[in-house]
Amino acid sequence: MEFDWKLAEPLFEKIESPDYGHRTSWMRWYREAWEFMCAQGLAHFETPLDDCVIRLRIFSLGWLAHDFCATVLGNEWGSDPHWSEWIDQLEIEPTWCLLTGVDPQQLKHIVDESLLVTQTDIEIEDDEVLFDRDWINQDLFPRLAMVAVYAQREKIVDVLFRCFDGPEWLFAALYSNCSGIEEEIEQRRDELEEELEMLEDERNEMLPEKERGQLERQIESLRLRLGKDELVKDVTEELRLRIAGDPIGCWGDESAEKHRAYDWCLTCCPVVVEGEPPFWRP
């Protein structure tokens, strides 16, 4: 079975969107990225454990989007997601995560930072050892899940590089979500609708049959371009080409943020947003 976009979309809708750019833009990017995951065989599942891995991959894509925006803004605290909320929203079982292929050294590091190891206020009362197990688990379980998310994140970045034709085009695809793409889509729609109205008015005039036929073809072509999917595709492709094609030295007022984001992609998309409880590599 395949965990296609129809199944994945409600889960992406549940997780917190980055603060930079429109949610609509990010959902389109998630869809594009997820369809790459499907094409690469990373959305196939047969068992509950497979389902867990897929949810970790959805989590990873959301985390990457937050990291990219934090990099663009030059503010690692631009978002501070609570991982336990994401885990609950995606219905991820933290204990299952340990069976998905985590790095033992990373797991040890994460556990060493948790209350399971650092809490020392243990009491003995009426010959019984007492400590707050619920408090420990609330801190520990998100950490266990995040080790597994990070393991999937590395696979996801590799797929994104392949499917977006390298880090440069991944940068262009991500940055287009931060560059007023929704406004560009609306502007393009207004321009095409105005052009269509002019052609339809012209069609109402007395014209030779040959000219009328050419006009009808132009009108039909415009109507196709005004279709939602076609319009978004055209504007998206043009914006990405413009972003990728502009020489780095010509980035003007946006130069600093573009440089940061471009370098982040070139360096394999490192963790920027640590969230809560903090995730960081030793």
Protein backbone atom coordinates (compact mmCIF):
# COMPACT_ATOMS: atom_id res chain seq x y z
CA MET A 1 0.00 0.00 0.00
CA GLU A 2 1.06 3.58 -0.58
CA PHE A 3 0.66 6.42 1.88
CA ASP A 4 -0.24 8.84 -0.91
CA TRP A 5 -0.99 12.55 -0.67
CA LYS A 6 -4.64 11.90 0.07
CA LEU A 7 -3.55 10.19 3.31
CA ALA A 8 -0.62 12.50 4.02
CA GLU A 9 -2.36 15.85 3.51
CA PRO A 10 -4.47 15.75 6.73
CA LEU A 11 -1.30 15.06 8.73
CA PHE A 12 0.61 17.95 7.16
CA GLU A 13 -2.42 20.14 7.91
CA LYS A 14 -2.11 19.30 11.60
CA ILE A 15 1.49 20.38 12.12
CA GLU A 16 2.48 23.97 12.73
CA SER A 17 3.43 25.89 9.59
CA PRO A 18 6.54 28.08 9.40
CA ASP A 19 5.93 31.73 10.26
CA TYR A 20 7.49 32.97 7.00
CA GLY A 21 5.45 32.65 3.82
CA HIS A 22 1.85 31.57 3.25
CA ARG A 23 0.54 28.30 4.62
CA THR A 24 -0.95 27.61 1.18
CA SER A 25 2.52 27.84 -0.39
CA TRP A 26 4.03 25.49 2.17
CA MET A 27 1.24 22.97 1.69
CA ARG A 28 1.94 22.95 -2.05
CA TRP A 29 5.63 22.40 -1.36
CA TYR A 30 4.82 19.58 1.07
CA ARG A 31 2.71 17.96 -1.61
CA GLU A 32 5.47 18.22 -4.20
CA ALA A 33 8.04 16.83 -1.76
CA TRP A 34 5.71 14.06 -0.64
CA GLU A 35 5.03 12.97 -4.20
CA PHE A 36 8.82 12.67 -4.59
CA MET A 37 8.82 10.45 -1.48
CA CYS A 38 6.15 8.28 -3.08
CA ALA A 39 8.08 8.06 -6.36
CA GLN A 40 11.21 7.00 -4.44
CA GLY A 41 9.36 4.24 -2.57
CA LEU A 42 9.51 6.02 0.81
CA ALA A 43 5.74 6.05 1.32
CA HIS A 44 5.10 2.32 0.96
CA PHE A 45 3.71 0.60 4.05
CA GLU A 46 2.44 -2.82 5.07
CA THR A 47 2.69 -2.82 8.88
CA PRO A 48 2.04 -0.44 11.79
CA LEU A 49 5.81 0.01 12.12
CA ASP A 50 5.97 1.12 8.45
CA ASP A 51 3.19 3.59 9.21
CA CYS A 52 5.26 4.95 12.11
CA VAL A 53 8.26 5.51 9.83
CA ILE A 54 6.11 7.39 7.32
CA ARG A 55 4.79 9.69 10.04
CA LEU A 56 8.37 10.37 11.11
CA ARG A 57 9.12 11.39 7.51
CA ILE A 58 6.17 13.79 7.47
CA PHE A 59 7.47 15.23 10.75
CA SER A 60 10.94 15.59 9.17
CA LEU A 61 9.63 17.61 6.22
CA GLY A 62 7.84 19.98 8.58
CA TRP A 63 10.99 20.38 10.67
CA LEU A 64 13.06 21.12 7.56
CA ALA A 65 10.62 23.85 6.53
CA HIS A 66 10.92 25.48 9.97
CA ASP A 67 14.71 25.22 9.81
CA PHE A 68 14.80 26.86 6.38
CA CYS A 69 12.67 29.81 7.51
CA ALA A 70 14.72 30.23 10.69
CA THR A 71 17.83 30.33 8.50
CA VAL A 72 16.34 32.88 6.11
CA LEU A 73 15.39 35.13 9.03
CA GLY A 74 18.70 34.58 10.79
CA ASN A 75 16.80 33.69 13.96
CA GLU A 76 16.96 30.17 15.33
CA TRP A 77 14.30 31.16 17.86
CA GLY A 78 11.96 32.37 15.12
CA SER A 79 9.89 29.30 15.91
CA ASP A 80 10.00 27.15 19.01
CA PRO A 81 7.85 24.08 18.32
CA HIS A 82 6.90 21.77 21.15
CA TRP A 83 7.75 18.35 19.79
CA SER A 84 5.28 16.58 22.07
CA GLU A 85 2.47 18.46 20.30
CA TRP A 86 3.71 17.38 16.87
CA ILE A 87 4.05 13.81 18.09
CA ASP A 88 0.48 13.84 19.40
CA GLN A 89 -0.89 15.48 16.23
CA LEU A 90 0.82 12.90 14.00
CA GLU A 91 -0.13 10.04 16.37
CA ILE A 92 3.44 8.79 16.67
CA GLU A 93 4.19 6.14 19.30
CA PRO A 94 7.55 7.14 20.85
CA THR A 95 8.44 3.63 22.00
CA TRP A 96 7.91 2.27 18.47
CA CYS A 97 10.40 4.85 17.24
CA LEU A 98 13.24 2.91 18.87
CA LEU A 99 12.60 0.10 16.34
CA THR A 100 12.94 2.29 13.25
CA GLY A 101 16.75 2.32 13.02
CA VAL A 102 18.12 5.02 15.32
CA ASP A 103 21.77 5.87 15.92
CA PRO A 104 22.80 4.28 19.27
CA GLN A 105 25.25 7.09 20.03
CA GLN A 106 22.65 9.76 19.31
CA LEU A 107 20.14 7.85 21.43
CA LYS A 108 22.60 7.70 24.33
CA HIS A 109 23.25 11.42 24.05
CA ILE A 110 19.53 12.21 24.06
CA VAL A 111 18.85 9.94 27.04
CA ASP A 112 21.78 11.47 28.94
CA GLU A 113 20.06 14.87 28.58
CA SER A 114 16.72 13.56 29.85
CA LEU A 115 15.19 13.44 33.32
CA LEU A 116 15.62 9.67 33.25
CA VAL A 117 19.29 10.29 34.00
CA THR A 118 19.43 13.83 35.39
CA GLN A 119 16.60 13.66 37.92
CA THR A 120 18.00 12.90 41.39
CA ASP A 121 15.17 13.80 43.77
CA ILE A 122 14.26 10.21 44.58
CA GLU A 123 12.61 9.53 47.93
CA ILE A 124 11.93 6.48 50.01
CA GLU A 125 8.67 6.43 51.91
CA ASP A 126 7.17 3.47 53.73
CA ASP A 127 9.84 1.21 52.20
CA GLU A 128 8.85 2.30 48.69
CA VAL A 129 11.01 4.12 46.13
CA LEU A 130 9.20 7.22 44.87
CA PHE A 131 9.82 9.50 41.89
CA ASP A 132 7.58 11.13 39.28
CA ARG A 133 7.40 8.63 36.42
CA ASP A 134 4.89 10.70 34.44
CA TRP A 135 7.14 13.76 34.57
CA ILE A 136 10.11 11.70 33.38
CA ASN A 137 8.12 10.18 30.50
CA GLN A 138 6.76 13.57 29.41
CA ASP A 139 10.37 14.66 28.99
CA LEU A 140 11.80 11.38 27.68
CA PHE A 141 9.23 10.28 25.09
CA PRO A 142 9.61 13.34 22.80
CA ARG A 143 13.39 12.87 22.93
CA LEU A 144 13.08 9.23 21.85
CA ALA A 145 10.84 10.23 18.96
CA MET A 146 13.19 13.03 17.88
CA VAL A 147 16.14 10.64 17.52
CA ALA A 148 14.02 8.63 15.09
CA VAL A 149 12.82 11.77 13.29
CA TYR A 150 16.43 12.87 12.84
CA ALA A 151 17.37 9.48 11.34
CA GLN A 152 14.57 9.86 8.78
CA ARG A 153 15.50 13.49 8.17
CA GLU A 154 18.88 12.47 6.75
CA LYS A 155 17.14 10.14 4.26
CA ILE A 156 14.64 12.87 3.34
CA VAL A 157 17.36 15.43 2.56
CA ASP A 158 19.08 12.95 0.25
CA VAL A 159 15.82 12.37 -1.65
CA LEU A 160 15.10 16.10 -1.89
CA PHE A 161 18.53 16.76 -3.37
CA ARG A 162 17.98 14.08 -6.00
CA CYS A 163 14.44 15.07 -6.89
CA PHE A 164 15.00 18.85 -6.92
CA ASP A 165 18.21 18.40 -8.96
CA GLY A 166 20.61 19.41 -6.22
CA PRO A 167 20.82 21.86 -3.31
CA GLU A 168 20.65 24.94 -5.57
CA TRP A 169 17.22 24.03 -6.91
CA LEU A 170 16.03 22.85 -3.50
CA PHE A 171 16.96 26.34 -2.26
CA ALA A 172 14.98 27.94 -5.09
CA ALA A 173 11.94 25.75 -4.38
CA LEU A 174 12.00 26.54 -0.66
CA TYR A 175 12.76 30.23 -1.03
CA SER A 176 9.92 30.73 -3.49
CA ASN A 177 7.57 30.02 -0.57
CA CYS A 178 9.03 33.05 1.22
CA SER A 179 8.96 35.38 -1.78
CA GLY A 180 5.36 36.51 -2.14
CA ILE A 181 4.37 33.71 -4.49
CA GLU A 182 0.67 34.03 -3.57
CA GLU A 183 0.71 37.69 -4.56
CA GLU A 184 2.42 36.80 -7.85
CA ILE A 185 -0.25 34.17 -8.56
CA GLU A 186 -3.03 36.71 -7.95
CA GLN A 187 -1.31 39.30 -10.10
CA ARG A 188 -0.87 36.80 -12.94
CA ARG A 189 -4.53 35.78 -12.64
CA ASP A 190 -5.65 39.43 -12.88
CA GLU A 191 -3.47 39.99 -15.96
CA LEU A 192 -4.76 36.89 -17.74
CA GLU A 193 -8.39 37.64 -16.88
CA GLU A 194 -7.99 41.18 -18.25
CA GLU A 195 -6.44 39.83 -21.44
CA LEU A 196 -9.21 37.24 -21.74
CA GLU A 197 -11.90 39.91 -21.35
CA MET A 198 -10.32 41.99 -24.10
CA LEU A 199 -10.20 39.01 -26.46
CA GLU A 200 -13.81 38.10 -25.73
CA ASP A 201 -14.87 41.66 -26.46
CA GLU A 202 -12.95 41.53 -29.72
CA ARG A 203 -14.64 38.24 -30.59
CA ASN A 204 -18.03 39.96 -30.43
CA GLU A 205 -17.06 42.22 -33.27
CA MET A 206 -17.66 41.36 -36.91
CA LEU A 207 -14.49 39.50 -37.94
CA PRO A 208 -13.48 37.32 -40.88
CA GLU A 209 -13.78 33.60 -40.17
CA LYS A 210 -10.00 33.08 -40.19
CA GLU A 211 -9.39 35.81 -37.60
CA ARG A 212 -12.29 34.55 -35.50
CA GLY A 213 -10.76 31.06 -35.48
CA GLN A 214 -7.39 32.43 -34.30
CA LEU A 215 -9.18 34.43 -31.62
CA GLU A 216 -11.05 31.36 -30.38
CA ARG A 217 -7.77 29.46 -30.08
CA GLN A 218 -6.21 32.32 -28.10
CA ILE A 219 -9.23 32.45 -25.80
CA GLU A 220 -9.11 28.70 -25.18
CA SER A 221 -5.38 28.89 -24.47
CA LEU A 222 -5.92 31.66 -21.92
CA ARG A 223 -8.70 29.74 -20.23
CA LEU A 224 -6.38 26.75 -19.86
CA ARG A 225 -3.65 28.96 -18.38
CA LEU A 226 -6.20 30.35 -15.93
CA GLY A 227 -6.91 26.87 -14.59
CA LYS A 228 -5.79 26.73 -10.95
CA ASP A 229 -3.16 24.01 -11.36
CA GLU A 230 -1.74 25.44 -14.57
CA LEU A 231 -1.59 28.97 -13.20
CA VAL A 232 0.22 27.90 -10.02
CA LYS A 233 2.61 25.70 -11.99
CA ASP A 234 3.56 28.50 -14.40
CA VAL A 235 4.15 31.11 -11.69
CA THR A 236 6.04 28.66 -9.48
CA GLU A 237 8.37 27.59 -12.27
CA GLU A 238 9.05 31.20 -13.31
CA LEU A 239 9.74 32.31 -9.73
CA ARG A 240 12.11 29.42 -9.09
CA LEU A 241 13.97 30.08 -12.34
CA ARG A 242 14.30 33.74 -11.36
CA ILE A 243 15.58 32.89 -7.87
CA ALA A 244 18.05 30.28 -9.11
CA GLY A 245 19.13 32.36 -12.11
CA ASP A 246 19.96 35.58 -10.27
CA PRO A 247 23.71 35.76 -9.57
CA ILE A 248 24.43 35.73 -5.84
CA GLY A 249 26.00 39.17 -6.04
CA CYS A 250 22.76 40.62 -7.44
CA TRP A 251 20.52 39.64 -4.55
CA GLY A 252 20.32 43.24 -3.32
CA ASP A 253 18.35 43.94 -0.16
CA GLU A 254 17.58 40.23 0.26
CA SER A 255 21.22 39.24 -0.13
CA ALA A 256 21.94 38.31 3.49
CA GLU A 257 18.90 36.09 3.94
CA LYS A 258 19.40 34.42 0.57
CA HIS A 259 23.07 33.75 1.34
CA ARG A 260 22.15 32.14 4.65
CA ALA A 261 19.46 29.97 3.09
CA TYR A 262 21.60 29.02 0.11
CA ASP A 263 24.50 27.98 2.37
CA TRP A 264 22.11 25.99 4.56
CA CYS A 265 21.06 23.93 1.54
CA LEU A 266 24.67 23.50 0.39
CA THR A 267 25.64 22.17 3.84
CA CYS A 268 22.96 19.43 3.77
CA CYS A 269 20.25 21.25 5.73
CA PRO A 270 21.61 21.09 9.30
CA VAL A 271 19.38 21.39 12.37
CA VAL A 272 18.62 25.01 13.26
CA VAL A 273 15.38 24.87 15.27
CA GLU A 274 15.96 22.78 18.40
CA GLY A 275 12.40 23.00 19.70
CA GLU A 276 11.26 21.81 23.09
CA PRO A 277 12.66 19.64 24.57
CA PRO A 278 15.83 20.80 22.74
CA PHE A 279 17.25 18.56 20.04
CA TRP A 280 20.90 19.08 19.29
CA ARG A 281 23.78 16.90 18.23
CA PRO A 282 26.85 16.59 20.49
